[in-house]
């Protein structure tokens, strides 16, 4: 299901949950896209790196929920699933775009 994006703006817990939701989807389907829109395999190591980078983005942006984001990322890495409460946050920050053409 392409055409799903996370709302723009500074990283917070809800946006991190949305990114994790989409990362998990990519891991399950086995591929993702790079910055040049090329389809690339979504390996566990890429999933882990992208997930951990969310807390770093938060810190770079001076966010206030960086510790909570880090804890959520660790939980997702341990269980390979998003907690239910985080799924509810994520759905509010995911934007679905239909076909562009």
PDB file of N, CA and C in Angstrom:
ATOM      1  N   UNK A   1       0.846  -1.173   0.000  1.00  0.00           N
ATOM      2  CA  UNK A   1       0.000   0.000   0.000  1.00  0.00           C
ATOM      3  C   UNK A   1       0.891   1.235   0.000  1.00  0.00           C
ATOM      4  N   UNK A   2       1.233   1.698  -1.171  1.00  0.00           N
ATOM      5  CA  UNK A   2       2.034   2.905  -1.281  1.00  0.00           C
ATOM      6  C   UNK A   2       1.130   4.111  -1.140  1.00  0.00           C
ATOM      7  N   UNK A   3       1.739   5.285  -1.053  1.00  0.00           N
ATOM      8  CA  UNK A   3       0.959   6.501  -0.903  1.00  0.00           C
ATOM      9  C   UNK A   3       0.583   6.792   0.537  1.00  0.00           C
ATOM     10  N   UNK A   4       1.345   6.256   1.478  1.00  0.00           N
ATOM     11  CA  UNK A   4       1.118   6.542   2.898  1.00  0.00           C
ATOM     12  C   UNK A   4       2.339   7.285   3.417  1.00  0.00           C
ATOM     13  N   UNK A   5       2.088   8.410   4.041  1.00  0.00           N
ATOM     14  CA  UNK A   5       3.160   9.260   4.524  1.00  0.00           C
ATOM     15  C   UNK A   5       2.844   9.744   5.923  1.00  0.00           C
ATOM     16  N   UNK A   6       3.880  10.210   6.625  1.00  0.00           N
ATOM     17  CA  UNK A   6       3.700  10.764   7.965  1.00  0.00           C
ATOM     18  C   UNK A   6       3.580  12.276   7.839  1.00  0.00           C
ATOM     19  N   UNK A   7       2.636  12.829   8.577  1.00  0.00           N
ATOM     20  CA  UNK A   7       2.419  14.273   8.623  1.00  0.00           C
ATOM     21  C   UNK A   7       3.749  14.990   8.860  1.00  0.00           C
ATOM     22  N   UNK A   8       3.939  16.131   8.218  1.00  0.00           N
ATOM     23  CA  UNK A   8       5.180  16.884   8.383  1.00  0.00           C
ATOM     24  C   UNK A   8       5.209  17.623   9.716  1.00  0.00           C
ATOM     25  N   UNK A   9       6.390  18.096  10.062  1.00  0.00           N
ATOM     26  CA  UNK A   9       6.561  18.856  11.298  1.00  0.00           C
ATOM     27  C   UNK A   9       7.564  18.189  12.209  1.00  0.00           C
ATOM     28  N   UNK A  10       7.874  18.840  13.328  1.00  0.00           N
ATOM     29  CA  UNK A  10       8.863  18.299  14.264  1.00  0.00           C
ATOM     30  C   UNK A  10       8.474  16.909  14.775  1.00  0.00           C
ATOM     31  N   UNK A  11       9.490  16.106  15.040  1.00  0.00           N
ATOM     32  CA  UNK A  11       9.272  14.735  15.515  1.00  0.00           C
ATOM     33  C   UNK A  11       8.710  14.755  16.934  1.00  0.00           C
ATOM     34  N   UNK A  12       7.605  14.048  17.117  1.00  0.00           N
ATOM     35  CA  UNK A  12       7.037  13.837  18.445  1.00  0.00           C
ATOM     36  C   UNK A  12       6.685  12.359  18.558  1.00  0.00           C
ATOM     37  N   UNK A  13       6.132  11.966  19.685  1.00  0.00           N
ATOM     38  CA  UNK A  13       5.849  10.552  19.921  1.00  0.00           C
ATOM     39  C   UNK A  13       4.860   9.993  18.898  1.00  0.00           C
ATOM     40  N   UNK A  14       3.838  10.758  18.559  1.00  0.00           N
ATOM     41  CA  UNK A  14       2.838  10.287  17.594  1.00  0.00           C
ATOM     42  C   UNK A  14       3.448  10.101  16.209  1.00  0.00           C
ATOM     43  N   UNK A  15       4.284  11.038  15.781  1.00  0.00           N
ATOM     44  CA  UNK A  15       4.921  10.910  14.465  1.00  0.00           C
ATOM     45  C   UNK A  15       5.920   9.759  14.455  1.00  0.00           C
ATOM     46  N   UNK A  16       6.633   9.573  15.551  1.00  0.00           N
ATOM     47  CA  UNK A  16       7.554   8.434  15.641  1.00  0.00           C
ATOM     48  C   UNK A  16       6.774   7.126  15.551  1.00  0.00           C
ATOM     49  N   UNK A  17       5.630   7.060  16.222  1.00  0.00           N
ATOM     50  CA  UNK A  17       4.785   5.859  16.152  1.00  0.00           C
ATOM     51  C   UNK A  17       4.328   5.618  14.716  1.00  0.00           C
ATOM     52  N   UNK A  18       3.984   6.693  14.007  1.00  0.00           N
ATOM     53  CA  UNK A  18       3.550   6.566  12.615  1.00  0.00           C
ATOM     54  C   UNK A  18       4.691   6.050  11.739  1.00  0.00           C
ATOM     55  N   UNK A  19       5.884   6.592  11.937  1.00  0.00           N
ATOM     56  CA  UNK A  19       7.043   6.103  11.181  1.00  0.00           C
ATOM     57  C   UNK A  19       7.295   4.628  11.478  1.00  0.00           C
ATOM     58  N   UNK A  20       7.228   4.258  12.739  1.00  0.00           N
ATOM     59  CA  UNK A  20       7.439   2.854  13.111  1.00  0.00           C
ATOM     60  C   UNK A  20       6.383   1.950  12.486  1.00  0.00           C
ATOM     61  N   UNK A  21       5.149   2.408  12.454  1.00  0.00           N
ATOM     62  CA  UNK A  21       4.066   1.646  11.823  1.00  0.00           C
ATOM     63  C   UNK A  21       4.411   1.370  10.354  1.00  0.00           C
ATOM     64  N   UNK A  22       4.858   2.409   9.652  1.00  0.00           N
ATOM     65  CA  UNK A  22       5.188   2.249   8.235  1.00  0.00           C
ATOM     66  C   UNK A  22       6.462   1.420   8.049  1.00  0.00           C
ATOM     67  N   UNK A  23       7.436   1.566   8.955  1.00  0.00           N
ATOM     68  CA  UNK A  23       8.649   0.735   8.882  1.00  0.00           C
ATOM     69  C   UNK A  23       8.293  -0.740   9.059  1.00  0.00           C
ATOM     70  N   UNK A  24       7.412  -1.031  10.013  1.00  0.00           N
ATOM     71  CA  UNK A  24       6.976  -2.417  10.231  1.00  0.00           C
ATOM     72  C   UNK A  24       6.256  -2.959   9.003  1.00  0.00           C
ATOM     73  N   UNK A  25       5.438  -2.129   8.379  1.00  0.00           N
ATOM     74  CA  UNK A  25       4.747  -2.545   7.154  1.00  0.00           C
ATOM     75  C   UNK A  25       5.770  -2.889   6.074  1.00  0.00           C
ATOM     76  N   UNK A  26       6.781  -2.036   5.919  1.00  0.00           N
ATOM     77  CA  UNK A  26       7.819  -2.288   4.921  1.00  0.00           C
ATOM     78  C   UNK A  26       8.601  -3.563   5.238  1.00  0.00           C
ATOM     79  N   UNK A  27       8.900  -3.779   6.517  1.00  0.00           N
ATOM     80  CA  UNK A  27       9.619  -4.992   6.921  1.00  0.00           C
ATOM     81  C   UNK A  27       8.800  -6.230   6.577  1.00  0.00           C
ATOM     82  N   UNK A  28       7.511  -6.164   6.844  1.00  0.00           N
ATOM     83  CA  UNK A  28       6.633  -7.307   6.565  1.00  0.00           C
ATOM     84  C   UNK A  28       6.541  -7.598   5.072  1.00  0.00           C
ATOM     85  N   UNK A  29       6.439  -6.557   4.256  1.00  0.00           N
ATOM     86  CA  UNK A  29       6.308  -6.791   2.814  1.00  0.00           C
ATOM     87  C   UNK A  29       7.652  -7.038   2.143  1.00  0.00           C
ATOM     88  N   UNK A  30       8.758  -6.719   2.867  1.00  0.00           N
ATOM     89  CA  UNK A  30      10.082  -7.061   2.372  1.00  0.00           C
ATOM     90  C   UNK A  30      10.779  -6.013   1.533  1.00  0.00           C
ATOM     91  N   UNK A  31      10.184  -4.855   1.359  1.00  0.00           N
ATOM     92  CA  UNK A  31      10.844  -3.800   0.597  1.00  0.00           C
ATOM     93  C   UNK A  31      10.393  -2.429   1.078  1.00  0.00           C
ATOM     94  N   UNK A  32      11.199  -1.445   0.685  1.00  0.00           N
ATOM     95  CA  UNK A  32      10.915  -0.049   0.981  1.00  0.00           C
ATOM     96  C   UNK A  32      11.460   0.762  -0.186  1.00  0.00           C
ATOM     97  N   UNK A  33      11.523   2.055  -0.034  1.00  0.00           N
ATOM     98  CA  UNK A  33      12.058   2.918  -1.085  1.00  0.00           C
ATOM     99  C   UNK A  33      13.160   3.793  -0.512  1.00  0.00           C
ATOM    100  N   UNK A  34      14.189   4.053  -1.329  1.00  0.00           N
ATOM    101  CA  UNK A  34      15.260   4.933  -0.880  1.00  0.00           C
ATOM    102  C   UNK A  34      14.916   6.376  -1.251  1.00  0.00           C
ATOM    103  N   UNK A  35      15.866   7.291  -1.017  1.00  0.00           N
ATOM    104  CA  UNK A  35      15.605   8.712  -1.266  1.00  0.00           C
ATOM    105  C   UNK A  35      15.459   9.047  -2.744  1.00  0.00           C
ATOM    106  N   UNK A  36      15.838   8.124  -3.601  1.00  0.00           N
ATOM    107  CA  UNK A  36      15.695   8.339  -5.039  1.00  0.00           C
ATOM    108  C   UNK A  36      14.521   7.546  -5.600  1.00  0.00           C
ATOM    109  N   UNK A  37      13.619   7.142  -4.707  1.00  0.00           N
ATOM    110  CA  UNK A  37      12.384   6.419  -5.066  1.00  0.00           C
ATOM    111  C   UNK A  37      12.639   5.065  -5.717  1.00  0.00           C
ATOM    112  N   UNK A  38      13.794   4.474  -5.425  1.00  0.00           N
ATOM    113  CA  UNK A  38      14.084   3.132  -5.931  1.00  0.00           C
ATOM    114  C   UNK A  38      13.644   2.117  -4.891  1.00  0.00           C
ATOM    115  N   UNK A  39      13.071   1.040  -5.362  1.00  0.00           N
ATOM    116  CA  UNK A  39      12.637  -0.040  -4.474  1.00  0.00           C
ATOM    117  C   UNK A  39      13.870  -0.807  -3.995  1.00  0.00           C
ATOM    118  N   UNK A  40      14.001  -0.937  -2.669  1.00  0.00           N
ATOM    119  CA  UNK A  40      15.145  -1.639  -2.082  1.00  0.00           C
ATOM    120  C   UNK A  40      14.637  -2.629  -1.042  1.00  0.00           C
ATOM    121  N   UNK A  41      15.387  -3.714  -0.798  1.00  0.00           N
ATOM    122  CA  UNK A  41      14.965  -4.683   0.221  1.00  0.00           C
ATOM    123  C   UNK A  41      14.942  -4.038   1.610  1.00  0.00           C
ATOM    124  N   UNK A  42      13.933  -4.366   2.401  1.00  0.00           N
ATOM    125  CA  UNK A  42      13.858  -3.892   3.789  1.00  0.00           C
ATOM    126  C   UNK A  42      14.358  -5.019   4.672  1.00  0.00           C
ATOM    127  N   UNK A  43      15.610  -4.935   5.056  1.00  0.00           N
ATOM    128  CA  UNK A  43      16.218  -5.943   5.924  1.00  0.00           C
ATOM    129  C   UNK A  43      15.988  -5.556   7.380  1.00  0.00           C
ATOM    130  N   UNK A  44      16.274  -6.501   8.287  1.00  0.00           N
ATOM    131  CA  UNK A  44      16.155  -6.198   9.713  1.00  0.00           C
ATOM    132  C   UNK A  44      17.120  -5.075  10.092  1.00  0.00           C
ATOM    133  N   UNK A  45      18.336  -5.090   9.548  1.00  0.00           N
ATOM    134  CA  UNK A  45      19.315  -4.060   9.910  1.00  0.00           C
ATOM    135  C   UNK A  45      18.879  -2.675   9.423  1.00  0.00           C
ATOM    136  N   UNK A  46      18.271  -2.595   8.247  1.00  0.00           N
ATOM    137  CA  UNK A  46      17.756  -1.310   7.762  1.00  0.00           C
ATOM    138  C   UNK A  46      16.580  -0.859   8.620  1.00  0.00           C
ATOM    139  N   UNK A  47      15.707  -1.787   8.971  1.00  0.00           N
ATOM    140  CA  UNK A  47      14.578  -1.475   9.851  1.00  0.00           C
ATOM    141  C   UNK A  47      15.081  -0.926  11.185  1.00  0.00           C
ATOM    142  N   UNK A  48      16.064  -1.598  11.760  1.00  0.00           N
ATOM    143  CA  UNK A  48      16.618  -1.182  13.050  1.00  0.00           C
ATOM    144  C   UNK A  48      17.256   0.208  12.951  1.00  0.00           C
ATOM    145  N   UNK A  49      18.029   0.437  11.900  1.00  0.00           N
ATOM    146  CA  UNK A  49      18.701   1.729  11.727  1.00  0.00           C
ATOM    147  C   UNK A  49      17.691   2.861  11.543  1.00  0.00           C
ATOM    148  N   UNK A  50      16.703   2.653  10.692  1.00  0.00           N
ATOM    149  CA  UNK A  50      15.691   3.693  10.463  1.00  0.00           C
ATOM    150  C   UNK A  50      14.891   3.967  11.733  1.00  0.00           C
ATOM    151  N   UNK A  51      14.593   2.926  12.467  1.00  0.00           N
ATOM    152  CA  UNK A  51      13.811   3.081  13.694  1.00  0.00           C
ATOM    153  C   UNK A  51      14.595   3.853  14.750  1.00  0.00           C
ATOM    154  N   UNK A  52      15.850   3.489  14.952  1.00  0.00           N
ATOM    155  CA  UNK A  52      16.672   4.165  15.959  1.00  0.00           C
ATOM    156  C   UNK A  52      16.941   5.622  15.589  1.00  0.00           C
ATOM    157  N   UNK A  53      16.946   5.920  14.312  1.00  0.00           N
ATOM    158  CA  UNK A  53      17.212   7.287  13.863  1.00  0.00           C
ATOM    159  C   UNK A  53      16.089   8.252  14.260  1.00  0.00           C
ATOM    160  N   UNK A  54      14.912   7.740  14.539  1.00  0.00           N
ATOM    161  CA  UNK A  54      13.788   8.605  14.914  1.00  0.00           C
ATOM    162  C   UNK A  54      14.098   9.411  16.178  1.00  0.00           C
ATOM    163  N   UNK A  55      14.712   8.792  17.174  1.00  0.00           N
ATOM    164  CA  UNK A  55      15.077   9.508  18.403  1.00  0.00           C
ATOM    165  C   UNK A  55      16.157  10.543  18.114  1.00  0.00           C
ATOM    166  N   UNK A  56      17.064  10.214  17.216  1.00  0.00           N
ATOM    167  CA  UNK A  56      18.114  11.162  16.834  1.00  0.00           C
ATOM    168  C   UNK A  56      17.509  12.385  16.146  1.00  0.00           C
ATOM    169  N   UNK A  57      16.546  12.165  15.274  1.00  0.00           N
ATOM    170  CA  UNK A  57      15.854  13.284  14.625  1.00  0.00           C
ATOM    171  C   UNK A  57      15.207  14.166  15.685  1.00  0.00           C
ATOM    172  N   UNK A  58      14.548  13.552  16.644  1.00  0.00           N
ATOM    173  CA  UNK A  58      13.904  14.290  17.728  1.00  0.00           C
ATOM    174  C   UNK A  58      14.918  15.170  18.458  1.00  0.00           C
ATOM    175  N   UNK A  59      16.068  14.596  18.791  1.00  0.00           N
ATOM    176  CA  UNK A  59      17.102  15.365  19.504  1.00  0.00           C
ATOM    177  C   UNK A  59      17.616  16.521  18.652  1.00  0.00           C
ATOM    178  N   UNK A  60      17.847  16.270  17.365  1.00  0.00           N
ATOM    179  CA  UNK A  60      18.344  17.324  16.470  1.00  0.00           C
ATOM    180  C   UNK A  60      17.342  18.468  16.353  1.00  0.00           C
ATOM    181  N   UNK A  61      16.053  18.149  16.455  1.00  0.00           N
ATOM    182  CA  UNK A  61      15.013  19.169  16.340  1.00  0.00           C
ATOM    183  C   UNK A  61      14.664  19.802  17.687  1.00  0.00           C
ATOM    184  N   UNK A  62      15.340  19.374  18.742  1.00  0.00           N
ATOM    185  CA  UNK A  62      15.074  19.934  20.062  1.00  0.00           C
ATOM    186  C   UNK A  62      13.747  19.495  20.649  1.00  0.00           C
ATOM    187  N   UNK A  63      13.301  18.304  20.277  1.00  0.00           N
ATOM    188  CA  UNK A  63      12.017  17.785  20.747  1.00  0.00           C
ATOM    189  C   UNK A  63      12.013  17.467  22.231  1.00  0.00           C
ATOM    190  N   UNK A  64      10.825  17.339  22.785  1.00  0.00           N
ATOM    191  CA  UNK A  64      10.669  17.091  24.219  1.00  0.00           C
ATOM    192  C   UNK A  64      10.340  15.637  24.542  1.00  0.00           C
ATOM    193  N   UNK A  65      10.013  14.838  23.537  1.00  0.00           N
ATOM    194  CA  UNK A  65       9.592  13.453  23.784  1.00  0.00           C
ATOM    195  C   UNK A  65      10.630  12.434  23.313  1.00  0.00           C
ATOM    196  N   UNK A  66      11.883  12.856  23.220  1.00  0.00           N
ATOM    197  CA  UNK A  66      12.935  11.991  22.677  1.00  0.00           C
ATOM    198  C   UNK A  66      13.141  10.732  23.518  1.00  0.00           C
ATOM    199  N   UNK A  67      13.082  10.863  24.823  1.00  0.00           N
ATOM    200  CA  UNK A  67      13.227   9.697  25.698  1.00  0.00           C
ATOM    201  C   UNK A  67      12.104   8.701  25.491  1.00  0.00           C
ATOM    202  N   UNK A  68      10.876   9.206  25.371  1.00  0.00           N
ATOM    203  CA  UNK A  68       9.722   8.336  25.132  1.00  0.00           C
ATOM    204  C   UNK A  68       9.821   7.661  23.768  1.00  0.00           C
ATOM    205  N   UNK A  69      10.328   8.402  22.781  1.00  0.00           N
ATOM    206  CA  UNK A  69      10.511   7.831  21.441  1.00  0.00           C
ATOM    207  C   UNK A  69      11.533   6.700  21.504  1.00  0.00           C
ATOM    208  N   UNK A  70      12.627   6.936  22.202  1.00  0.00           N
ATOM    209  CA  UNK A  70      13.656   5.907  22.339  1.00  0.00           C
ATOM    210  C   UNK A  70      13.095   4.648  23.008  1.00  0.00           C
ATOM    211  N   UNK A  71      12.292   4.825  24.047  1.00  0.00           N
ATOM    212  CA  UNK A  71      11.674   3.679  24.730  1.00  0.00           C
ATOM    213  C   UNK A  71      10.724   2.932  23.800  1.00  0.00           C
ATOM    214  N   UNK A  72       9.944   3.674  23.017  1.00  0.00           N
ATOM    215  CA  UNK A  72       9.024   3.037  22.072  1.00  0.00           C
ATOM    216  C   UNK A  72       9.800   2.243  21.028  1.00  0.00           C
ATOM    217  N   UNK A  73      10.862   2.835  20.501  1.00  0.00           N
ATOM    218  CA  UNK A  73      11.686   2.143  19.502  1.00  0.00           C
ATOM    219  C   UNK A  73      12.238   0.844  20.083  1.00  0.00           C
ATOM    220  N   UNK A  74      12.758   0.890  21.296  1.00  0.00           N
ATOM    221  CA  UNK A  74      13.304  -0.317  21.924  1.00  0.00           C
ATOM    222  C   UNK A  74      12.223  -1.385  22.101  1.00  0.00           C
ATOM    223  N   UNK A  75      11.028  -0.966  22.479  1.00  0.00           N
ATOM    224  CA  UNK A  75       9.926  -1.925  22.634  1.00  0.00           C
ATOM    225  C   UNK A  75       9.559  -2.561  21.295  1.00  0.00           C
ATOM    226  N   UNK A  76       9.515  -1.744  20.250  1.00  0.00           N
ATOM    227  CA  UNK A  76       9.195  -2.264  18.915  1.00  0.00           C
ATOM    228  C   UNK A  76      10.287  -3.222  18.445  1.00  0.00           C
ATOM    229  N   UNK A  77      11.535  -2.888  18.701  1.00  0.00           N
ATOM    230  CA  UNK A  77      12.630  -3.776  18.302  1.00  0.00           C
ATOM    231  C   UNK A  77      12.584  -5.096  19.067  1.00  0.00           C
ATOM    232  N   UNK A  78      12.178  -5.045  20.331  1.00  0.00           N
ATOM    233  CA  UNK A  78      12.075  -6.275  21.137  1.00  0.00           C
ATOM    234  C   UNK A  78      10.927  -7.165  20.674  1.00  0.00           C
ATOM    235  N   UNK A  79       9.776  -6.564  20.411  1.00  0.00           N
ATOM    236  CA  UNK A  79       8.563  -7.343  20.135  1.00  0.00           C
ATOM    237  C   UNK A  79       8.190  -7.425  18.652  1.00  0.00           C
ATOM    238  N   UNK A  80       8.887  -6.649  17.834  1.00  0.00           N
ATOM    239  CA  UNK A  80       8.596  -6.599  16.396  1.00  0.00           C
ATOM    240  C   UNK A  80       7.135  -6.257  16.119  1.00  0.00           C
ATOM    241  N   UNK A  81       6.583  -5.424  16.976  1.00  0.00           N
ATOM    242  CA  UNK A  81       5.196  -4.968  16.827  1.00  0.00           C
ATOM    243  C   UNK A  81       5.040  -3.646  17.565  1.00  0.00           C
ATOM    244  N   UNK A  82       4.092  -2.865  17.109  1.00  0.00           N
ATOM    245  CA  UNK A  82       3.772  -1.595  17.745  1.00  0.00           C
ATOM    246  C   UNK A  82       2.734  -1.840  18.832  1.00  0.00           C
ATOM    247  N   UNK A  83       2.935  -1.300  20.030  1.00  0.00           N
ATOM    248  CA  UNK A  83       1.911  -1.458  21.070  1.00  0.00           C
ATOM    249  C   UNK A  83       0.593  -0.824  20.614  1.00  0.00           C
ATOM    250  N   UNK A  84      -0.500  -1.331  21.106  1.00  0.00           N
ATOM    251  CA  UNK A  84      -1.821  -0.843  20.694  1.00  0.00           C
ATOM    252  C   UNK A  84      -1.970   0.667  20.898  1.00  0.00           C
ATOM    253  N   UNK A  85      -1.513   1.171  22.053  1.00  0.00           N
ATOM    254  CA  UNK A  85      -1.646   2.605  22.317  1.00  0.00           C
ATOM    255  C   UNK A  85      -0.888   3.424  21.272  1.00  0.00           C
ATOM    256  N   UNK A  86       0.254   2.896  20.791  1.00  0.00           N
ATOM    257  CA  UNK A  86       1.047   3.602  19.790  1.00  0.00           C
ATOM    258  C   UNK A  86       0.386   3.524  18.416  1.00  0.00           C
ATOM    259  N   UNK A  87      -0.302   2.419  18.134  1.00  0.00           N
ATOM    260  CA  UNK A  87      -1.042   2.308  16.869  1.00  0.00           C
ATOM    261  C   UNK A  87      -2.103   3.396  16.783  1.00  0.00           C
ATOM    262  N   UNK A  88      -2.770   3.643  17.897  1.00  0.00           N
ATOM    263  CA  UNK A  88      -3.803   4.683  17.924  1.00  0.00           C
ATOM    264  C   UNK A  88      -3.200   6.057  17.655  1.00  0.00           C
ATOM    265  N   UNK A  89      -2.027   6.336  18.225  1.00  0.00           N
ATOM    266  CA  UNK A  89      -1.343   7.602  17.948  1.00  0.00           C
ATOM    267  C   UNK A  89      -0.940   7.683  16.479  1.00  0.00           C
ATOM    268  N   UNK A  90      -0.403   6.585  15.962  1.00  0.00           N
ATOM    269  CA  UNK A  90       0.119   6.555  14.598  1.00  0.00           C
ATOM    270  C   UNK A  90      -0.959   6.860  13.569  1.00  0.00           C
ATOM    271  N   UNK A  91      -2.146   6.312  13.758  1.00  0.00           N
ATOM    272  CA  UNK A  91      -3.197   6.489  12.746  1.00  0.00           C
ATOM    273  C   UNK A  91      -3.597   7.951  12.585  1.00  0.00           C
ATOM    274  N   UNK A  92      -3.374   8.757  13.601  1.00  0.00           N
ATOM    275  CA  UNK A  92      -3.713  10.186  13.507  1.00  0.00           C
ATOM    276  C   UNK A  92      -2.695  10.980  12.700  1.00  0.00           C
ATOM    277  N   UNK A  93      -1.507  10.421  12.523  1.00  0.00           N
ATOM    278  CA  UNK A  93      -0.426  11.152  11.852  1.00  0.00           C
ATOM    279  C   UNK A  93      -0.094  10.614  10.465  1.00  0.00           C
ATOM    280  N   UNK A  94      -0.770   9.545  10.040  1.00  0.00           N
ATOM    281  CA  UNK A  94      -0.512   8.977   8.715  1.00  0.00           C
ATOM    282  C   UNK A  94      -1.465   9.601   7.709  1.00  0.00           C
ATOM    283  N   UNK A  95      -0.888  10.055   6.613  1.00  0.00           N
ATOM    284  CA  UNK A  95      -1.654  10.655   5.529  1.00  0.00           C
ATOM    285  C   UNK A  95      -1.666   9.661   4.382  1.00  0.00           C
ATOM    286  N   UNK A  96      -2.851   9.381   3.861  1.00  0.00           N
ATOM    287  CA  UNK A  96      -2.984   8.469   2.722  1.00  0.00           C
ATOM    288  C   UNK A  96      -3.263   9.294   1.473  1.00  0.00           C
ATOM    289  N   UNK A  97      -2.472   9.029   0.448  1.00  0.00           N
ATOM    290  CA  UNK A  97      -2.624   9.755  -0.805  1.00  0.00           C
ATOM    291  C   UNK A  97      -3.003   8.754  -1.881  1.00  0.00           C
ATOM    292  N   UNK A  98      -4.059   9.061  -2.614  1.00  0.00           N
ATOM    293  CA  UNK A  98      -4.480   8.200  -3.721  1.00  0.00           C
ATOM    294  C   UNK A  98      -3.532   8.345  -4.896  1.00  0.00           C
ATOM    295  N   UNK A  99      -3.877   7.738  -5.953  1.00  0.00           N
ATOM    296  CA  UNK A  99      -3.041   7.823  -7.156  1.00  0.00           C
ATOM    297  C   UNK A  99      -2.836   9.275  -7.564  1.00  0.00           C
ATOM    298  N   UNK A 100      -1.615   9.579  -7.982  1.00  0.00           N
ATOM    299  CA  UNK A 100      -1.297  10.938  -8.406  1.00  0.00           C
ATOM    300  C   UNK A 100      -1.624  11.162  -9.872  1.00  0.00           C
ATOM    301  N   UNK A 101      -1.751  10.076 -10.610  1.00  0.00           N
ATOM    302  CA  UNK A 101      -2.024  10.197 -12.051  1.00  0.00           C
ATOM    303  C   UNK A 101      -3.419   9.690 -12.341  1.00  0.00           C
TER     304      UNK A 101
END
